């Protein structure tokens, strides 16, 4: 099954997440199919906190990819901020 989830990066105590499309059986930091955005929970006012390629996310969800709970929330937030 294909899943859209967060892949953690960054340094210790300074998380940075990539939003990736991956096979569910792969490790969270392992191989992925496509990177479709990022989430920076520790962004300050001049940095971008969230960026998602909505077109690619919709493409993968139309083909059966399931977003994780956190990614569902981030997609909802990005859709609301785009309005």
PDB file of N, CA and C in Angstrom:
ATOM      1  N   UNK A   1       0.837  -1.180   0.000  1.00  0.00           N
ATOM      2  CA  UNK A   1       0.000   0.000   0.000  1.00  0.00           C
ATOM      3  C   UNK A   1       0.884   1.247   0.000  1.00  0.00           C
ATOM      4  N   UNK A   2       0.473   2.242  -0.748  1.00  0.00           N
ATOM      5  CA  UNK A   2       1.202   3.508  -0.826  1.00  0.00           C
ATOM      6  C   UNK A   2       0.611   4.469   0.200  1.00  0.00           C
ATOM      7  N   UNK A   3       1.496   5.170   0.908  1.00  0.00           N
ATOM      8  CA  UNK A   3       1.070   6.072   1.964  1.00  0.00           C
ATOM      9  C   UNK A   3       1.798   7.410   1.817  1.00  0.00           C
ATOM     10  N   UNK A   4       1.122   8.489   2.180  1.00  0.00           N
ATOM     11  CA  UNK A   4       1.735   9.820   2.198  1.00  0.00           C
ATOM     12  C   UNK A   4       2.020  10.121   3.658  1.00  0.00           C
ATOM     13  N   UNK A   5       3.291  10.319   3.988  1.00  0.00           N
ATOM     14  CA  UNK A   5       3.660  10.493   5.388  1.00  0.00           C
ATOM     15  C   UNK A   5       4.834  11.450   5.544  1.00  0.00           C
ATOM     16  N   UNK A   6       5.175  11.717   6.807  1.00  0.00           N
ATOM     17  CA  UNK A   6       6.297  12.588   7.122  1.00  0.00           C
ATOM     18  C   UNK A   6       7.558  11.744   7.273  1.00  0.00           C
ATOM     19  N   UNK A   7       8.677  12.250   6.755  1.00  0.00           N
ATOM     20  CA  UNK A   7       9.979  11.626   6.935  1.00  0.00           C
ATOM     21  C   UNK A   7      10.847  12.620   7.701  1.00  0.00           C
ATOM     22  N   UNK A   8      11.276  12.240   8.894  1.00  0.00           N
ATOM     23  CA  UNK A   8      12.003  13.167   9.753  1.00  0.00           C
ATOM     24  C   UNK A   8      13.429  13.380   9.272  1.00  0.00           C
ATOM     25  N   UNK A   9      13.835  14.620   9.357  1.00  0.00           N
ATOM     26  CA  UNK A   9      15.201  15.007   9.053  1.00  0.00           C
ATOM     27  C   UNK A   9      15.608  16.063  10.057  1.00  0.00           C
ATOM     28  N   UNK A  10      16.682  16.761   9.785  1.00  0.00           N
ATOM     29  CA  UNK A  10      17.116  17.809  10.687  1.00  0.00           C
ATOM     30  C   UNK A  10      18.043  17.279  11.765  1.00  0.00           C
ATOM     31  N   UNK A  11      18.473  18.186  12.626  1.00  0.00           N
ATOM     32  CA  UNK A  11      19.400  17.837  13.690  1.00  0.00           C
ATOM     33  C   UNK A  11      18.646  17.456  14.960  1.00  0.00           C
ATOM     34  N   UNK A  12      19.415  17.021  15.938  1.00  0.00           N
ATOM     35  CA  UNK A  12      18.838  16.677  17.233  1.00  0.00           C
ATOM     36  C   UNK A  12      18.163  17.904  17.839  1.00  0.00           C
ATOM     37  N   UNK A  13      16.949  17.735  18.299  1.00  0.00           N
ATOM     38  CA  UNK A  13      16.135  18.803  18.899  1.00  0.00           C
ATOM     39  C   UNK A  13      15.721  19.895  17.914  1.00  0.00           C
ATOM     40  N   UNK A  14      15.977  19.706  16.611  1.00  0.00           N
ATOM     41  CA  UNK A  14      15.573  20.660  15.574  1.00  0.00           C
ATOM     42  C   UNK A  14      14.959  19.886  14.415  1.00  0.00           C
ATOM     43  N   UNK A  15      13.724  19.408  14.601  1.00  0.00           N
ATOM     44  CA  UNK A  15      13.131  18.552  13.569  1.00  0.00           C
ATOM     45  C   UNK A  15      12.755  19.318  12.306  1.00  0.00           C
ATOM     46  N   UNK A  16      12.827  18.621  11.203  1.00  0.00           N
ATOM     47  CA  UNK A  16      12.402  19.110   9.899  1.00  0.00           C
ATOM     48  C   UNK A  16      11.849  17.892   9.182  1.00  0.00           C
ATOM     49  N   UNK A  17      10.640  17.999   8.639  1.00  0.00           N
ATOM     50  CA  UNK A  17       9.986  16.853   8.038  1.00  0.00           C
ATOM     51  C   UNK A  17       9.768  17.063   6.547  1.00  0.00           C
ATOM     52  N   UNK A  18      10.067  16.040   5.771  1.00  0.00           N
ATOM     53  CA  UNK A  18       9.711  16.015   4.358  1.00  0.00           C
ATOM     54  C   UNK A  18       8.392  15.271   4.240  1.00  0.00           C
ATOM     55  N   UNK A  19       7.522  15.735   3.360  1.00  0.00           N
ATOM     56  CA  UNK A  19       6.271  15.026   3.101  1.00  0.00           C
ATOM     57  C   UNK A  19       6.529  14.170   1.868  1.00  0.00           C
ATOM     58  N   UNK A  20       6.463  12.854   2.053  1.00  0.00           N
ATOM     59  CA  UNK A  20       6.852  11.927   0.997  1.00  0.00           C
ATOM     60  C   UNK A  20       5.737  10.921   0.707  1.00  0.00           C
ATOM     61  N   UNK A  21       5.777  10.402  -0.499  1.00  0.00           N
ATOM     62  CA  UNK A  21       4.914   9.290  -0.913  1.00  0.00           C
ATOM     63  C   UNK A  21       5.811   8.060  -0.879  1.00  0.00           C
ATOM     64  N   UNK A  22       5.418   7.056  -0.096  1.00  0.00           N
ATOM     65  CA  UNK A  22       6.281   5.890   0.081  1.00  0.00           C
ATOM     66  C   UNK A  22       5.452   4.624   0.213  1.00  0.00           C
ATOM     67  N   UNK A  23       6.123   3.501   0.024  1.00  0.00           N
ATOM     68  CA  UNK A  23       5.514   2.206   0.297  1.00  0.00           C
ATOM     69  C   UNK A  23       5.427   2.059   1.812  1.00  0.00           C
ATOM     70  N   UNK A  24       4.327   1.579   2.304  1.00  0.00           N
ATOM     71  CA  UNK A  24       4.095   1.476   3.740  1.00  0.00           C
ATOM     72  C   UNK A  24       5.124   0.575   4.421  1.00  0.00           C
ATOM     73  N   UNK A  25       5.669  -0.378   3.713  1.00  0.00           N
ATOM     74  CA  UNK A  25       6.602  -1.329   4.309  1.00  0.00           C
ATOM     75  C   UNK A  25       8.003  -0.762   4.497  1.00  0.00           C
ATOM     76  N   UNK A  26       8.297   0.374   3.894  1.00  0.00           N
ATOM     77  CA  UNK A  26       9.626   0.985   4.010  1.00  0.00           C
ATOM     78  C   UNK A  26       9.771   1.752   5.318  1.00  0.00           C
ATOM     79  N   UNK A  27      10.998   1.909   5.769  1.00  0.00           N
ATOM     80  CA  UNK A  27      11.286   2.680   6.979  1.00  0.00           C
ATOM     81  C   UNK A  27      10.931   4.143   6.741  1.00  0.00           C
ATOM     82  N   UNK A  28      10.607   4.857   7.817  1.00  0.00           N
ATOM     83  CA  UNK A  28      10.177   6.250   7.663  1.00  0.00           C
ATOM     84  C   UNK A  28      11.280   7.131   7.080  1.00  0.00           C
ATOM     85  N   UNK A  29      12.521   6.820   7.336  1.00  0.00           N
ATOM     86  CA  UNK A  29      13.629   7.579   6.737  1.00  0.00           C
ATOM     87  C   UNK A  29      14.189   6.876   5.502  1.00  0.00           C
ATOM     88  N   UNK A  30      13.583   5.786   5.113  1.00  0.00           N
ATOM     89  CA  UNK A  30      14.084   4.980   4.011  1.00  0.00           C
ATOM     90  C   UNK A  30      13.668   5.494   2.643  1.00  0.00           C
ATOM     91  N   UNK A  31      13.696   4.579   1.694  1.00  0.00           N
ATOM     92  CA  UNK A  31      13.406   4.906   0.311  1.00  0.00           C
ATOM     93  C   UNK A  31      11.966   5.368   0.143  1.00  0.00           C
ATOM     94  N   UNK A  32      11.762   6.343  -0.731  1.00  0.00           N
ATOM     95  CA  UNK A  32      10.424   6.839  -0.997  1.00  0.00           C
ATOM     96  C   UNK A  32      10.232   6.995  -2.497  1.00  0.00           C
ATOM     97  N   UNK A  33       8.987   7.146  -2.914  1.00  0.00           N
ATOM     98  CA  UNK A  33       8.661   7.270  -4.331  1.00  0.00           C
ATOM     99  C   UNK A  33       8.845   8.697  -4.806  1.00  0.00           C
ATOM    100  N   UNK A  34       8.300   9.644  -4.036  1.00  0.00           N
ATOM    101  CA  UNK A  34       8.352  11.047  -4.450  1.00  0.00           C
ATOM    102  C   UNK A  34       8.247  11.957  -3.234  1.00  0.00           C
ATOM    103  N   UNK A  35       8.991  13.055  -3.249  1.00  0.00           N
ATOM    104  CA  UNK A  35       8.893  14.077  -2.207  1.00  0.00           C
ATOM    105  C   UNK A  35       7.930  15.143  -2.717  1.00  0.00           C
ATOM    106  N   UNK A  36       6.880  15.445  -1.930  1.00  0.00           N
ATOM    107  CA  UNK A  36       5.875  16.400  -2.401  1.00  0.00           C
ATOM    108  C   UNK A  36       5.784  17.656  -1.543  1.00  0.00           C
ATOM    109  N   UNK A  37       6.653  17.787  -0.558  1.00  0.00           N
ATOM    110  CA  UNK A  37       6.625  19.006   0.244  1.00  0.00           C
ATOM    111  C   UNK A  37       7.451  18.875   1.503  1.00  0.00           C
ATOM    112  N   UNK A  38       7.292  19.857   2.400  1.00  0.00           N
ATOM    113  CA  UNK A  38       7.997  19.833   3.675  1.00  0.00           C
ATOM    114  C   UNK A  38       7.173  20.510   4.754  1.00  0.00           C
ATOM    115  N   UNK A  39       7.536  20.225   6.005  1.00  0.00           N
ATOM    116  CA  UNK A  39       6.904  20.823   7.178  1.00  0.00           C
ATOM    117  C   UNK A  39       8.000  21.148   8.178  1.00  0.00           C
ATOM    118  N   UNK A  40       8.076  22.419   8.566  1.00  0.00           N
ATOM    119  CA  UNK A  40       9.076  22.877   9.518  1.00  0.00           C
ATOM    120  C   UNK A  40       8.352  23.378  10.770  1.00  0.00           C
ATOM    121  N   UNK A  41       8.213  22.535  11.808  1.00  0.00           N
ATOM    122  CA  UNK A  41       7.450  22.941  12.987  1.00  0.00           C
ATOM    123  C   UNK A  41       8.122  24.033  13.809  1.00  0.00           C
ATOM    124  N   UNK A  42       9.408  24.261  13.618  1.00  0.00           N
ATOM    125  CA  UNK A  42      10.130  25.261  14.395  1.00  0.00           C
ATOM    126  C   UNK A  42      10.452  26.511  13.582  1.00  0.00           C
ATOM    127  N   UNK A  43       9.662  26.787  12.576  1.00  0.00           N
ATOM    128  CA  UNK A  43       9.900  27.953  11.722  1.00  0.00           C
ATOM    129  C   UNK A  43       9.638  29.244  12.506  1.00  0.00           C
ATOM    130  N   UNK A  44      10.481  30.238  12.254  1.00  0.00           N
ATOM    131  CA  UNK A  44      10.262  31.564  12.833  1.00  0.00           C
ATOM    132  C   UNK A  44       9.518  32.404  11.808  1.00  0.00           C
ATOM    133  N   UNK A  45       9.221  33.651  12.130  1.00  0.00           N
ATOM    134  CA  UNK A  45       8.297  34.439  11.308  1.00  0.00           C
ATOM    135  C   UNK A  45       8.701  34.603   9.845  1.00  0.00           C
ATOM    136  N   UNK A  46       9.970  34.645   9.506  1.00  0.00           N
ATOM    137  CA  UNK A  46      10.362  34.861   8.112  1.00  0.00           C
ATOM    138  C   UNK A  46      10.569  33.564   7.322  1.00  0.00           C
ATOM    139  N   UNK A  47      10.500  32.428   7.981  1.00  0.00           N
ATOM    140  CA  UNK A  47      10.681  31.139   7.308  1.00  0.00           C
ATOM    141  C   UNK A  47       9.330  30.533   6.940  1.00  0.00           C
ATOM    142  N   UNK A  48       9.354  29.736   5.884  1.00  0.00           N
ATOM    143  CA  UNK A  48       8.131  29.045   5.455  1.00  0.00           C
ATOM    144  C   UNK A  48       7.929  27.812   6.332  1.00  0.00           C
ATOM    145  N   UNK A  49       6.726  27.667   6.891  1.00  0.00           N
ATOM    146  CA  UNK A  49       6.432  26.573   7.810  1.00  0.00           C
ATOM    147  C   UNK A  49       5.961  25.310   7.093  1.00  0.00           C
ATOM    148  N   UNK A  50       5.182  25.479   6.032  1.00  0.00           N
ATOM    149  CA  UNK A  50       4.576  24.345   5.351  1.00  0.00           C
ATOM    150  C   UNK A  50       4.498  24.615   3.860  1.00  0.00           C
ATOM    151  N   UNK A  51       4.909  23.632   3.077  1.00  0.00           N
ATOM    152  CA  UNK A  51       4.778  23.720   1.627  1.00  0.00           C
ATOM    153  C   UNK A  51       4.416  22.337   1.118  1.00  0.00           C
ATOM    154  N   UNK A  52       3.280  22.258   0.413  1.00  0.00           N
ATOM    155  CA  UNK A  52       2.814  20.983  -0.146  1.00  0.00           C
ATOM    156  C   UNK A  52       2.419  21.208  -1.593  1.00  0.00           C
ATOM    157  N   UNK A  53       2.865  20.343  -2.467  1.00  0.00           N
ATOM    158  CA  UNK A  53       2.437  20.370  -3.862  1.00  0.00           C
ATOM    159  C   UNK A  53       1.070  19.687  -3.916  1.00  0.00           C
ATOM    160  N   UNK A  54       0.012  20.489  -3.828  1.00  0.00           N
ATOM    161  CA  UNK A  54      -1.362  19.967  -3.753  1.00  0.00           C
ATOM    162  C   UNK A  54      -1.701  19.130  -4.982  1.00  0.00           C
ATOM    163  N   UNK A  55      -1.213  19.544  -6.124  1.00  0.00           N
ATOM    164  CA  UNK A  55      -1.504  18.819  -7.367  1.00  0.00           C
ATOM    165  C   UNK A  55      -0.982  17.379  -7.297  1.00  0.00           C
ATOM    166  N   UNK A  56       0.254  17.211  -6.816  1.00  0.00           N
ATOM    167  CA  UNK A  56       0.837  15.872  -6.711  1.00  0.00           C
ATOM    168  C   UNK A  56       0.182  15.061  -5.586  1.00  0.00           C
ATOM    169  N   UNK A  57      -0.186  15.722  -4.496  1.00  0.00           N
ATOM    170  CA  UNK A  57      -0.871  15.023  -3.402  1.00  0.00           C
ATOM    171  C   UNK A  57      -2.214  14.491  -3.888  1.00  0.00           C
ATOM    172  N   UNK A  58      -2.964  15.318  -4.620  1.00  0.00           N
ATOM    173  CA  UNK A  58      -4.251  14.871  -5.159  1.00  0.00           C
ATOM    174  C   UNK A  58      -4.060  13.744  -6.175  1.00  0.00           C
ATOM    175  N   UNK A  59      -3.006  13.842  -6.983  1.00  0.00           N
ATOM    176  CA  UNK A  59      -2.688  12.797  -7.958  1.00  0.00           C
ATOM    177  C   UNK A  59      -2.517  11.455  -7.253  1.00  0.00           C
ATOM    178  N   UNK A  60      -1.715  11.433  -6.188  1.00  0.00           N
ATOM    179  CA  UNK A  60      -1.457  10.174  -5.486  1.00  0.00           C
ATOM    180  C   UNK A  60      -2.677   9.680  -4.723  1.00  0.00           C
ATOM    181  N   UNK A  61      -3.458  10.594  -4.145  1.00  0.00           N
ATOM    182  CA  UNK A  61      -4.653  10.160  -3.416  1.00  0.00           C
ATOM    183  C   UNK A  61      -5.704   9.606  -4.365  1.00  0.00           C
ATOM    184  N   UNK A  62      -5.784  10.130  -5.589  1.00  0.00           N
ATOM    185  CA  UNK A  62      -6.699   9.577  -6.588  1.00  0.00           C
ATOM    186  C   UNK A  62      -6.290   8.186  -7.024  1.00  0.00           C
ATOM    187  N   UNK A  63      -5.025   7.843  -6.840  1.00  0.00           N
ATOM    188  CA  UNK A  63      -4.535   6.522  -7.198  1.00  0.00           C
ATOM    189  C   UNK A  63      -4.470   5.579  -6.002  1.00  0.00           C
ATOM    190  N   UNK A  64      -5.065   5.980  -4.881  1.00  0.00           N
ATOM    191  CA  UNK A  64      -5.202   5.074  -3.752  1.00  0.00           C
ATOM    192  C   UNK A  64      -4.250   5.298  -2.596  1.00  0.00           C
ATOM    193  N   UNK A  65      -3.378   6.293  -2.672  1.00  0.00           N
ATOM    194  CA  UNK A  65      -2.466   6.559  -1.560  1.00  0.00           C
ATOM    195  C   UNK A  65      -3.251   7.112  -0.378  1.00  0.00           C
ATOM    196  N   UNK A  66      -2.928   6.632   0.806  1.00  0.00           N
ATOM    197  CA  UNK A  66      -3.606   7.071   2.020  1.00  0.00           C
ATOM    198  C   UNK A  66      -2.680   8.000   2.803  1.00  0.00           C
ATOM    199  N   UNK A  67      -3.134   9.209   3.136  1.00  0.00           N
ATOM    200  CA  UNK A  67      -2.306  10.093   3.959  1.00  0.00           C
ATOM    201  C   UNK A  67      -2.361   9.677   5.427  1.00  0.00           C
ATOM    202  N   UNK A  68      -1.259   9.877   6.137  1.00  0.00           N
ATOM    203  CA  UNK A  68      -1.256   9.609   7.575  1.00  0.00           C
ATOM    204  C   UNK A  68      -2.120  10.654   8.272  1.00  0.00           C
ATOM    205  N   UNK A  69      -2.399  10.438   9.549  1.00  0.00           N
ATOM    206  CA  UNK A  69      -3.264  11.370  10.291  1.00  0.00           C
ATOM    207  C   UNK A  69      -2.666  12.774  10.304  1.00  0.00           C
ATOM    208  N   UNK A  70      -1.376  12.879  10.539  1.00  0.00           N
ATOM    209  CA  UNK A  70      -0.727  14.201  10.585  1.00  0.00           C
ATOM    210  C   UNK A  70      -0.750  14.866   9.209  1.00  0.00           C
ATOM    211  N   UNK A  71      -0.511  14.112   8.167  1.00  0.00           N
ATOM    212  CA  UNK A  71      -0.526  14.670   6.812  1.00  0.00           C
ATOM    213  C   UNK A  71      -1.936  15.105   6.432  1.00  0.00           C
ATOM    214  N   UNK A  72      -2.962  14.356   6.856  1.00  0.00           N
ATOM    215  CA  UNK A  72      -4.350  14.782   6.618  1.00  0.00           C
ATOM    216  C   UNK A  72      -4.585  16.164   7.212  1.00  0.00           C
ATOM    217  N   UNK A  73      -4.117  16.350   8.442  1.00  0.00           N
ATOM    218  CA  UNK A  73      -4.283  17.639   9.115  1.00  0.00           C
ATOM    219  C   UNK A  73      -3.518  18.738   8.364  1.00  0.00           C
ATOM    220  N   UNK A  74      -2.296  18.448   7.934  1.00  0.00           N
ATOM    221  CA  UNK A  74      -1.506  19.445   7.209  1.00  0.00           C
ATOM    222  C   UNK A  74      -2.126  19.797   5.866  1.00  0.00           C
ATOM    223  N   UNK A  75      -2.715  18.817   5.189  1.00  0.00           N
ATOM    224  CA  UNK A  75      -3.394  19.089   3.926  1.00  0.00           C
ATOM    225  C   UNK A  75      -4.598  20.009   4.147  1.00  0.00           C
ATOM    226  N   UNK A  76      -5.313  19.764   5.238  1.00  0.00           N
ATOM    227  CA  UNK A  76      -6.466  20.601   5.578  1.00  0.00           C
ATOM    228  C   UNK A  76      -6.013  22.038   5.890  1.00  0.00           C
ATOM    229  N   UNK A  77      -4.928  22.175   6.613  1.00  0.00           N
ATOM    230  CA  UNK A  77      -4.387  23.495   6.960  1.00  0.00           C
ATOM    231  C   UNK A  77      -3.913  24.220   5.702  1.00  0.00           C
ATOM    232  N   UNK A  78      -3.220  23.508   4.818  1.00  0.00           N
ATOM    233  CA  UNK A  78      -2.711  24.162   3.601  1.00  0.00           C
ATOM    234  C   UNK A  78      -3.856  24.570   2.681  1.00  0.00           C
ATOM    235  N   UNK A  79      -4.913  23.801   2.651  1.00  0.00           N
ATOM    236  CA  UNK A  79      -6.069  24.143   1.823  1.00  0.00           C
ATOM    237  C   UNK A  79      -6.756  25.389   2.384  1.00  0.00           C
ATOM    238  N   UNK A  80      -6.875  25.488   3.705  1.00  0.00           N
ATOM    239  CA  UNK A  80      -7.521  26.638   4.342  1.00  0.00           C
ATOM    240  C   UNK A  80      -6.690  27.906   4.156  1.00  0.00           C
ATOM    241  N   UNK A  81      -5.372  27.795   4.215  1.00  0.00           N
ATOM    242  CA  UNK A  81      -4.525  28.981   4.056  1.00  0.00           C
ATOM    243  C   UNK A  81      -4.461  29.434   2.599  1.00  0.00           C
ATOM    244  N   UNK A  82      -4.744  28.530   1.669  1.00  0.00           N
ATOM    245  CA  UNK A  82      -4.713  28.891   0.248  1.00  0.00           C
ATOM    246  C   UNK A  82      -5.937  29.704  -0.160  1.00  0.00           C
ATOM    247  N   UNK A  83      -7.004  29.643   0.630  1.00  0.00           N
ATOM    248  CA  UNK A  83      -8.235  30.366   0.296  1.00  0.00           C
ATOM    249  C   UNK A  83      -8.132  31.817   0.569  1.00  0.00           C
TER     250      UNK A  83
END
